Amino acid sequence: MKYINNKEKLDQFRESNNFFAIIDFDRTLTTATSDASAGIIPKFLGGECLKKRLEIYEYYRPLELDYTIDEEEKRNIMKKWASSTFTLLSKYLTSEKMIENAIESANLNLRNGAKQFLQNLYERNIPVVIMSAGVGNLIKRFLEKQGVLYDNIILISNFFEFKGDKSYINTETIIASSNKDYSKVPEGTRKVLDKKENILLCGDIVEDIKMIDTSQKNRALTIGFLDYNIKENLNIYNNNFDIVLADNENFNTVMEILRR
């Protein structure tokens, strides 16, 4: 199901080829039924790691999808979720090789049309920022294996560093689903992007709109994938996104909508 909430902005966007794209990863580029990148290592390891991760996920995920929670309160809740998750992962993640092995058995799939969409942007020399609150090392390797980590893509996420058989990450600077914002983009890249006339933003939660500044919204076409609590959240998605794609839609539909 697709909902076009701002036909005027869509028409204006179709007339321009001077834009950049900023896209969430988990359950935006990937399917709604895919594992979240932060859950792939615990699922691969099983045992205590998986048990603890599920406890954390089952507590916080419903809160992430609850738009009745006060914005500031939710931001703090999401920070706690991210800190708990990455603290847990750092205890069990021992090497890049573990990430490689975990991807092989992961339920991680791009949405239909996502490969063609990213290839199309590459061929048109459109800059792409993929911003994720997930595990950057894993996302980078997955995109490489899919053959879509093109030169026009910059990946902004949470990256572990490895020393010996231990992994490290600064939990104070972790990107959570509630604090993804444009300031996370390196200054040099922002200078290039700020020269673009328009912006295409794709996400799966309302907070993803914060990947751009408020001052950029009037030139941004925002697309939201809504796959959970559709009945409860359709109105708030329609009120926040220019286009809403509900119930397991894909990037073939995105390309169809954007086609001039």
C-alpha atoms as a PDB file:
ATOM      1  CA  MET A   1       0.000   0.000   0.000  1.00  0.00           C
ATOM      2  CA  LYS A   2       1.340   3.429  -0.877  1.00  0.00           C
ATOM      3  CA  TYR A   3       0.229   6.804   0.425  1.00  0.00           C
ATOM      4  CA  ILE A   4       1.317   9.976  -1.394  1.00  0.00           C
ATOM      5  CA  ASN A   5       0.953  12.764   1.149  1.00  0.00           C
ATOM      6  CA  ASN A   6       2.763  15.560  -0.679  1.00  0.00           C
ATOM      7  CA  LYS A   7       2.185  15.370  -4.419  1.00  0.00           C
ATOM      8  CA  GLU A   8       3.569  18.874  -4.972  1.00  0.00           C
ATOM      9  CA  LYS A   9       6.909  18.039  -3.354  1.00  0.00           C
ATOM     10  CA  LEU A  10       7.077  14.753  -5.287  1.00  0.00           C
ATOM     11  CA  ASP A  11       6.506  16.570  -8.592  1.00  0.00           C
ATOM     12  CA  GLN A  12       9.223  19.076  -7.738  1.00  0.00           C
ATOM     13  CA  PHE A  13      11.622  16.280  -6.821  1.00  0.00           C
ATOM     14  CA  ARG A  14      10.975  14.470 -10.107  1.00  0.00           C
ATOM     15  CA  GLU A  15      12.142  17.552 -11.993  1.00  0.00           C
ATOM     16  CA  SER A  16      15.563  17.526 -10.340  1.00  0.00           C
ATOM     17  CA  ASN A  17      18.582  15.290 -10.727  1.00  0.00           C
ATOM     18  CA  ASN A  18      20.599  17.388  -8.294  1.00  0.00           C
ATOM     19  CA  PHE A  19      20.046  15.577  -4.997  1.00  0.00           C
ATOM     20  CA  PHE A  20      21.593  13.224  -2.467  1.00  0.00           C
ATOM     21  CA  ALA A  21      20.015  10.272  -0.663  1.00  0.00           C
ATOM     22  CA  ILE A  22      20.177   9.500   3.041  1.00  0.00           C
ATOM     23  CA  ILE A  23      18.914   6.037   3.953  1.00  0.00           C
ATOM     24  CA  ASP A  24      18.491   3.933   7.077  1.00  0.00           C
ATOM     25  CA  PHE A  25      19.715   0.313   6.898  1.00  0.00           C
ATOM     26  CA  ASP A  26      17.880  -2.074   9.224  1.00  0.00           C
ATOM     27  CA  ARG A  27      14.365  -2.796   7.915  1.00  0.00           C
ATOM     28  CA  THR A  28      14.612   0.038   5.421  1.00  0.00           C
ATOM     29  CA  LEU A  29      17.130  -1.290   2.930  1.00  0.00           C
ATOM     30  CA  THR A  30      16.540  -4.741   4.417  1.00  0.00           C
ATOM     31  CA  THR A  31      13.196  -6.494   4.645  1.00  0.00           C
ATOM     32  CA  ALA A  32      10.887  -6.100   7.626  1.00  0.00           C
ATOM     33  CA  THR A  33      11.462  -9.755   8.522  1.00  0.00           C
ATOM     34  CA  SER A  34      15.267  -9.546   8.403  1.00  0.00           C
ATOM     35  CA  ASP A  35      17.348  -9.780  11.549  1.00  0.00           C
ATOM     36  CA  ALA A  36      18.472  -6.423  12.892  1.00  0.00           C
ATOM     37  CA  SER A  37      22.235  -6.109  12.407  1.00  0.00           C
ATOM     38  CA  ALA A  38      22.760  -5.858  16.184  1.00  0.00           C
ATOM     39  CA  GLY A  39      20.999  -9.199  16.652  1.00  0.00           C
ATOM     40  CA  ILE A  40      22.998 -11.236  14.157  1.00  0.00           C
ATOM     41  CA  ILE A  41      26.048 -11.931  16.359  1.00  0.00           C
ATOM     42  CA  PRO A  42      23.934 -13.117  19.362  1.00  0.00           C
ATOM     43  CA  LYS A  43      21.848 -15.313  17.060  1.00  0.00           C
ATOM     44  CA  PHE A  44      25.028 -16.818  15.603  1.00  0.00           C
ATOM     45  CA  LEU A  45      26.580 -17.471  19.025  1.00  0.00           C
ATOM     46  CA  GLY A  46      23.407 -18.632  20.771  1.00  0.00           C
ATOM     47  CA  GLY A  47      23.561 -19.504  24.460  1.00  0.00           C
ATOM     48  CA  GLU A  48      23.820 -16.791  27.084  1.00  0.00           C
ATOM     49  CA  CYS A  49      24.595 -14.051  24.556  1.00  0.00           C
ATOM     50  CA  LEU A  50      21.394 -14.728  22.629  1.00  0.00           C
ATOM     51  CA  LYS A  51      19.332 -15.047  25.804  1.00  0.00           C
ATOM     52  CA  LYS A  52      20.501 -11.685  27.138  1.00  0.00           C
ATOM     53  CA  ARG A  53      20.078  -9.974  23.786  1.00  0.00           C
ATOM     54  CA  LEU A  54      16.503 -11.238  23.427  1.00  0.00           C
ATOM     55  CA  GLU A  55      15.664  -9.950  26.895  1.00  0.00           C
ATOM     56  CA  ILE A  56      16.984  -6.521  25.938  1.00  0.00           C
ATOM     57  CA  TYR A  57      15.268  -6.541  22.523  1.00  0.00           C
ATOM     58  CA  GLU A  58      11.888  -7.710  23.749  1.00  0.00           C
ATOM     59  CA  TYR A  59      11.831  -4.957  26.353  1.00  0.00           C
ATOM     60  CA  TYR A  60      12.951  -2.049  24.145  1.00  0.00           C
ATOM     61  CA  ARG A  61      11.609  -2.842  20.653  1.00  0.00           C
ATOM     62  CA  PRO A  62       7.928  -2.225  21.565  1.00  0.00           C
ATOM     63  CA  LEU A  63       8.988   1.098  23.094  1.00  0.00           C
ATOM     64  CA  GLU A  64      10.729   2.073  19.852  1.00  0.00           C
ATOM     65  CA  LEU A  65       7.466   1.555  17.965  1.00  0.00           C
ATOM     66  CA  ASP A  66       5.362   3.377  20.561  1.00  0.00           C
ATOM     67  CA  TYR A  67       4.722   6.944  19.413  1.00  0.00           C
ATOM     68  CA  THR A  68       2.712   7.869  22.494  1.00  0.00           C
ATOM     69  CA  ILE A  69       5.914   8.218  24.537  1.00  0.00           C
ATOM     70  CA  ASP A  70       7.212  11.741  25.137  1.00  0.00           C
ATOM     71  CA  GLU A  71       9.988  12.583  22.650  1.00  0.00           C
ATOM     72  CA  GLU A  72      12.699  13.385  25.211  1.00  0.00           C
ATOM     73  CA  GLU A  73      11.821  10.346  27.308  1.00  0.00           C
ATOM     74  CA  LYS A  74      11.963   8.135  24.239  1.00  0.00           C
ATOM     75  CA  ARG A  75      15.332   9.526  23.239  1.00  0.00           C
ATOM     76  CA  ASN A  76      16.745   8.529  26.614  1.00  0.00           C
ATOM     77  CA  ILE A  77      15.130   5.091  26.431  1.00  0.00           C
ATOM     78  CA  MET A  78      16.660   4.446  23.011  1.00  0.00           C
ATOM     79  CA  LYS A  79      20.100   5.536  24.258  1.00  0.00           C
ATOM     80  CA  LYS A  80      19.830   3.022  27.079  1.00  0.00           C
ATOM     81  CA  TRP A  81      18.842   0.328  24.583  1.00  0.00           C
ATOM     82  CA  ALA A  82      21.830   1.053  22.377  1.00  0.00           C
ATOM     83  CA  SER A  83      24.244   1.177  25.304  1.00  0.00           C
ATOM     84  CA  SER A  84      22.937  -2.120  26.722  1.00  0.00           C
ATOM     85  CA  THR A  85      23.140  -3.850  23.344  1.00  0.00           C
ATOM     86  CA  PHE A  86      26.657  -2.735  22.441  1.00  0.00           C
ATOM     87  CA  THR A  87      27.991  -3.382  25.927  1.00  0.00           C
ATOM     88  CA  LEU A  88      26.675  -6.935  25.580  1.00  0.00           C
ATOM     89  CA  LEU A  89      28.129  -7.392  22.081  1.00  0.00           C
ATOM     90  CA  SER A  90      31.562  -6.170  23.154  1.00  0.00           C
ATOM     91  CA  LYS A  91      31.747  -9.019  25.680  1.00  0.00           C
ATOM     92  CA  TYR A  92      31.249 -11.707  23.045  1.00  0.00           C
ATOM     93  CA  LEU A  93      32.495 -10.268  19.749  1.00  0.00           C
ATOM     94  CA  THR A  94      36.117 -11.332  19.322  1.00  0.00           C
ATOM     95  CA  SER A  95      37.057 -10.770  15.671  1.00  0.00           C
ATOM     96  CA  GLU A  96      36.041  -9.579  12.222  1.00  0.00           C
ATOM     97  CA  LYS A  97      36.038 -13.268  11.245  1.00  0.00           C
ATOM     98  CA  MET A  98      33.151 -13.858  13.654  1.00  0.00           C
ATOM     99  CA  ILE A  99      31.187 -11.167  11.798  1.00  0.00           C
ATOM    100  CA  GLU A 100      31.970 -12.843   8.496  1.00  0.00           C
ATOM    101  CA  ASN A 101      30.766 -16.221   9.771  1.00  0.00           C
ATOM    102  CA  ALA A 102      27.645 -14.747  11.351  1.00  0.00           C
ATOM    103  CA  ILE A 103      26.565 -13.114   8.077  1.00  0.00           C
ATOM    104  CA  GLU A 104      26.660 -16.487   6.324  1.00  0.00           C
ATOM    105  CA  SER A 105      23.885 -17.870   8.525  1.00  0.00           C
ATOM    106  CA  ALA A 106      21.963 -14.625   9.091  1.00  0.00           C
ATOM    107  CA  ASN A 107      18.414 -13.895   8.021  1.00  0.00           C
ATOM    108  CA  LEU A 108      19.461 -10.679   6.310  1.00  0.00           C
ATOM    109  CA  ASN A 109      17.908  -9.747   2.985  1.00  0.00           C
ATOM    110  CA  LEU A 110      17.657  -6.575   0.956  1.00  0.00           C
ATOM    111  CA  ARG A 111      14.154  -5.450   0.046  1.00  0.00           C
ATOM    112  CA  ASN A 112      13.140  -6.245  -3.507  1.00  0.00           C
ATOM    113  CA  GLY A 113      14.508  -3.608  -5.848  1.00  0.00           C
ATOM    114  CA  ALA A 114      17.090  -2.294  -3.343  1.00  0.00           C
ATOM    115  CA  LYS A 115      20.035  -3.529  -5.427  1.00  0.00           C
ATOM    116  CA  GLN A 116      18.670  -1.890  -8.566  1.00  0.00           C
ATOM    117  CA  PHE A 117      17.884   1.282  -6.612  1.00  0.00           C
ATOM    118  CA  LEU A 118      21.428   1.619  -5.263  1.00  0.00           C
ATOM    119  CA  GLN A 119      22.923   0.753  -8.643  1.00  0.00           C
ATOM    120  CA  ASN A 120      20.759   3.399 -10.293  1.00  0.00           C
ATOM    121  CA  LEU A 121      21.950   6.060  -7.846  1.00  0.00           C
ATOM    122  CA  TYR A 122      25.559   5.005  -8.459  1.00  0.00           C
ATOM    123  CA  GLU A 123      25.172   5.203 -12.233  1.00  0.00           C
ATOM    124  CA  ARG A 124      23.655   8.681 -11.904  1.00  0.00           C
ATOM    125  CA  ASN A 125      26.479   9.788  -9.586  1.00  0.00           C
ATOM    126  CA  ILE A 126      24.043  10.547  -6.748  1.00  0.00           C
ATOM    127  CA  PRO A 127      25.756  10.679  -3.325  1.00  0.00           C
ATOM    128  CA  VAL A 128      24.277   8.214  -0.823  1.00  0.00           C
ATOM    129  CA  VAL A 129      24.586   8.288   2.974  1.00  0.00           C
ATOM    130  CA  ILE A 130      23.575   5.098   4.763  1.00  0.00           C
ATOM    131  CA  MET A 131      23.105   5.948   8.429  1.00  0.00           C
ATOM    132  CA  SER A 132      22.463   3.141  10.878  1.00  0.00           C
ATOM    133  CA  ALA A 133      22.201   2.550  14.614  1.00  0.00           C
ATOM    134  CA  GLY A 134      23.335  -1.011  13.934  1.00  0.00           C
ATOM    135  CA  VAL A 135      26.752  -2.685  13.707  1.00  0.00           C
ATOM    136  CA  GLY A 136      28.743  -0.877  11.045  1.00  0.00           C
ATOM    137  CA  ASN A 137      31.359  -3.638  10.566  1.00  0.00           C
ATOM    138  CA  LEU A 138      28.607  -6.121   9.777  1.00  0.00           C
ATOM    139  CA  ILE A 139      26.611  -3.759   7.533  1.00  0.00           C
ATOM    140  CA  LYS A 140      29.725  -2.856   5.535  1.00  0.00           C
ATOM    141  CA  ARG A 141      30.615  -6.512   4.949  1.00  0.00           C
ATOM    142  CA  PHE A 142      27.034  -7.397   4.020  1.00  0.00           C
ATOM    143  CA  LEU A 143      26.826  -4.592   1.449  1.00  0.00           C
ATOM    144  CA  GLU A 144      30.176  -5.691   0.014  1.00  0.00           C
ATOM    145  CA  LYS A 145      28.936  -9.268  -0.328  1.00  0.00           C
ATOM    146  CA  GLN A 146      25.789  -8.003  -2.037  1.00  0.00           C
ATOM    147  CA  GLY A 147      27.935  -6.023  -4.483  1.00  0.00           C
ATOM    148  CA  VAL A 148      26.273  -2.706  -3.649  1.00  0.00           C
ATOM    149  CA  LEU A 149      28.867  -0.838  -1.561  1.00  0.00           C
ATOM    150  CA  TYR A 150      29.563   1.602  -4.388  1.00  0.00           C
ATOM    151  CA  ASP A 151      32.031   4.475  -4.340  1.00  0.00           C
ATOM    152  CA  ASN A 152      29.199   7.011  -3.981  1.00  0.00           C
ATOM    153  CA  ILE A 153      28.136   5.524  -0.612  1.00  0.00           C
ATOM    154  CA  ILE A 154      29.309   6.687   2.793  1.00  0.00           C
ATOM    155  CA  LEU A 155      28.345   4.437   5.708  1.00  0.00           C
ATOM    156  CA  ILE A 156      27.797   6.065   9.097  1.00  0.00           C
ATOM    157  CA  SER A 157      27.223   3.570  11.884  1.00  0.00           C
ATOM    158  CA  ASN A 158      28.687   1.993  15.031  1.00  0.00           C
ATOM    159  CA  PHE A 159      32.035   0.342  14.361  1.00  0.00           C
ATOM    160  CA  PHE A 160      33.855  -2.024  16.697  1.00  0.00           C
ATOM    161  CA  GLU A 161      37.638  -1.955  16.910  1.00  0.00           C
ATOM    162  CA  PHE A 162      39.577  -5.141  17.615  1.00  0.00           C
ATOM    163  CA  LYS A 163      42.722  -5.698  19.656  1.00  0.00           C
ATOM    164  CA  GLY A 164      43.750  -9.298  20.035  1.00  0.00           C
ATOM    165  CA  ASP A 165      40.612 -11.299  20.764  1.00  0.00           C
ATOM    166  CA  LYS A 166      38.691  -8.382  22.262  1.00  0.00           C
ATOM    167  CA  SER A 167      36.377  -5.800  20.711  1.00  0.00           C
ATOM    168  CA  TYR A 168      35.957  -2.202  21.789  1.00  0.00           C
ATOM    169  CA  ILE A 169      33.371   0.521  21.192  1.00  0.00           C
ATOM    170  CA  ASN A 170      32.760   3.859  22.887  1.00  0.00           C
ATOM    171  CA  THR A 171      29.266   3.544  24.345  1.00  0.00           C
ATOM    172  CA  GLU A 172      29.179   7.318  24.946  1.00  0.00           C
ATOM    173  CA  THR A 173      29.176   8.073  21.218  1.00  0.00           C
ATOM    174  CA  ILE A 174      26.953   5.237  19.978  1.00  0.00           C
ATOM    175  CA  ILE A 175      24.411   6.088  17.312  1.00  0.00           C
ATOM    176  CA  ALA A 176      20.963   5.053  18.561  1.00  0.00           C
ATOM    177  CA  SER A 177      17.706   5.080  16.628  1.00  0.00           C
ATOM    178  CA  SER A 178      16.743   8.324  18.380  1.00  0.00           C
ATOM    179  CA  ASN A 179      19.942  10.334  17.824  1.00  0.00           C
ATOM    180  CA  LYS A 180      20.714   9.780  14.162  1.00  0.00           C
ATOM    181  CA  ASP A 181      21.214  13.295  12.865  1.00  0.00           C
ATOM    182  CA  TYR A 182      22.925  15.169  10.068  1.00  0.00           C
ATOM    183  CA  SER A 183      25.812  16.282  12.301  1.00  0.00           C
ATOM    184  CA  LYS A 184      27.030  12.652  12.255  1.00  0.00           C
ATOM    185  CA  VAL A 185      27.975  13.146   8.579  1.00  0.00           C
ATOM    186  CA  PRO A 186      31.658  14.221   8.302  1.00  0.00           C
ATOM    187  CA  GLU A 187      32.052  17.950   7.740  1.00  0.00           C
ATOM    188  CA  GLY A 188      33.828  17.543   4.408  1.00  0.00           C
ATOM    189  CA  THR A 189      31.013  15.368   3.080  1.00  0.00           C
ATOM    190  CA  ARG A 190      28.379  17.821   4.379  1.00  0.00           C
ATOM    191  CA  LYS A 191      29.993  20.620   2.375  1.00  0.00           C
ATOM    192  CA  VAL A 192      29.484  18.584  -0.800  1.00  0.00           C
ATOM    193  CA  LEU A 193      25.956  17.482   0.096  1.00  0.00           C
ATOM    194  CA  ASP A 194      24.830  20.978   1.079  1.00  0.00           C
ATOM    195  CA  LYS A 195      25.327  22.097  -2.520  1.00  0.00           C
ATOM    196  CA  LYS A 196      22.637  19.665  -3.676  1.00  0.00           C
ATOM    197  CA  GLU A 197      19.235  21.087  -4.530  1.00  0.00           C
ATOM    198  CA  ASN A 198      17.153  18.255  -3.049  1.00  0.00           C
ATOM    199  CA  ILE A 199      17.310  15.331  -0.621  1.00  0.00           C
ATOM    200  CA  LEU A 200      15.754  11.870  -0.725  1.00  0.00           C
ATOM    201  CA  LEU A 201      15.296  10.337   2.727  1.00  0.00           C
ATOM    202  CA  CYS A 202      14.193   6.748   3.383  1.00  0.00           C
ATOM    203  CA  GLY A 203      13.547   5.257   6.824  1.00  0.00           C
ATOM    204  CA  ASP A 204      11.302   2.866   8.726  1.00  0.00           C
ATOM    205  CA  ILE A 205      10.640   4.788  11.937  1.00  0.00           C
ATOM    206  CA  VAL A 206       9.536   8.389  12.338  1.00  0.00           C
ATOM    207  CA  GLU A 207      12.792   9.270  14.140  1.00  0.00           C
ATOM    208  CA  ASP A 208      14.686   8.561  10.900  1.00  0.00           C
ATOM    209  CA  ILE A 209      13.504  11.934   9.620  1.00  0.00           C
ATOM    210  CA  LYS A 210      16.032  13.453  12.042  1.00  0.00           C
ATOM    211  CA  MET A 211      18.815  12.178   9.785  1.00  0.00           C
ATOM    212  CA  ILE A 212      18.458  15.625   8.185  1.00  0.00           C
ATOM    213  CA  ASP A 213      18.247  19.032   9.867  1.00  0.00           C
ATOM    214  CA  THR A 214      14.945  20.825  10.303  1.00  0.00           C
ATOM    215  CA  SER A 215      16.218  23.515   7.921  1.00  0.00           C
ATOM    216  CA  GLN A 216      16.565  20.890   5.160  1.00  0.00           C
ATOM    217  CA  LYS A 217      13.030  19.503   5.338  1.00  0.00           C
ATOM    218  CA  ASN A 218      11.519  21.846   2.788  1.00  0.00           C
ATOM    219  CA  ARG A 219      13.832  20.436   0.115  1.00  0.00           C
ATOM    220  CA  ALA A 220      13.658  16.802   1.254  1.00  0.00           C
ATOM    221  CA  LEU A 221      11.302  14.135  -0.058  1.00  0.00           C
ATOM    222  CA  THR A 222      10.792  11.695   2.823  1.00  0.00           C
ATOM    223  CA  ILE A 223       9.706   8.087   2.361  1.00  0.00           C
ATOM    224  CA  GLY A 224       8.703   5.904   5.312  1.00  0.00           C
ATOM    225  CA  PHE A 225       8.346   2.115   5.306  1.00  0.00           C
ATOM    226  CA  LEU A 226       5.613   1.082   7.752  1.00  0.00           C
ATOM    227  CA  ASP A 227       5.556  -2.650   8.487  1.00  0.00           C
ATOM    228  CA  TYR A 228       4.674  -2.878  12.186  1.00  0.00           C
ATOM    229  CA  ASN A 229       1.584  -1.696  14.069  1.00  0.00           C
ATOM    230  CA  ILE A 230       0.238  -0.409  10.763  1.00  0.00           C
ATOM    231  CA  LYS A 231      -3.260   0.388  11.964  1.00  0.00           C
ATOM    232  CA  GLU A 232      -2.032   2.167  15.099  1.00  0.00           C
ATOM    233  CA  ASN A 233       0.767   4.151  13.424  1.00  0.00           C
ATOM    234  CA  LEU A 234      -0.503   4.920   9.910  1.00  0.00           C
ATOM    235  CA  ASN A 235      -1.748   8.385  10.836  1.00  0.00           C
ATOM    236  CA  ILE A 236       1.483   9.461  12.489  1.00  0.00           C
ATOM    237  CA  TYR A 237       3.513   8.153   9.520  1.00  0.00           C
ATOM    238  CA  ASN A 238       1.258   9.988   7.073  1.00  0.00           C
ATOM    239  CA  ASN A 239       1.636  13.145   9.145  1.00  0.00           C
ATOM    240  CA  ASN A 240       5.437  12.912   9.115  1.00  0.00           C
ATOM    241  CA  PHE A 241       6.463  11.331   5.812  1.00  0.00           C
ATOM    242  CA  ASP A 242       5.739  12.709   2.341  1.00  0.00           C
ATOM    243  CA  ILE A 243       5.255   9.140   1.125  1.00  0.00           C
ATOM    244  CA  VAL A 244       4.372   6.090   3.215  1.00  0.00           C
ATOM    245  CA  LEU A 245       4.880   2.558   1.920  1.00  0.00           C
ATOM    246  CA  ALA A 246       3.000   0.136   4.154  1.00  0.00           C
ATOM    247  CA  ASP A 247       2.880  -3.619   4.585  1.00  0.00           C
ATOM    248  CA  ASN A 248       6.141  -4.993   3.136  1.00  0.00           C
ATOM    249  CA  GLU A 249       6.514  -2.613   0.216  1.00  0.00           C
ATOM    250  CA  ASN A 250       9.838  -2.429  -1.636  1.00  0.00           C
ATOM    251  CA  PHE A 251      12.218  -0.288  -3.665  1.00  0.00           C
ATOM    252  CA  ASN A 252      10.619  -1.237  -6.955  1.00  0.00           C
ATOM    253  CA  THR A 253       7.703   0.872  -5.742  1.00  0.00           C
ATOM    254  CA  VAL A 254      10.097   3.664  -4.714  1.00  0.00           C
ATOM    255  CA  MET A 255      11.593   3.743  -8.219  1.00  0.00           C
ATOM    256  CA  GLU A 256       8.126   3.627  -9.776  1.00  0.00           C
ATOM    257  CA  ILE A 257       6.987   6.590  -7.677  1.00  0.00           C
ATOM    258  CA  LEU A 258      10.124   8.637  -8.394  1.00  0.00           C
ATOM    259  CA  ARG A 259      10.111   7.949 -12.122  1.00  0.00           C
ATOM    260  CA  ARG A 260       9.408  11.088 -14.078  1.00  0.00           C
END
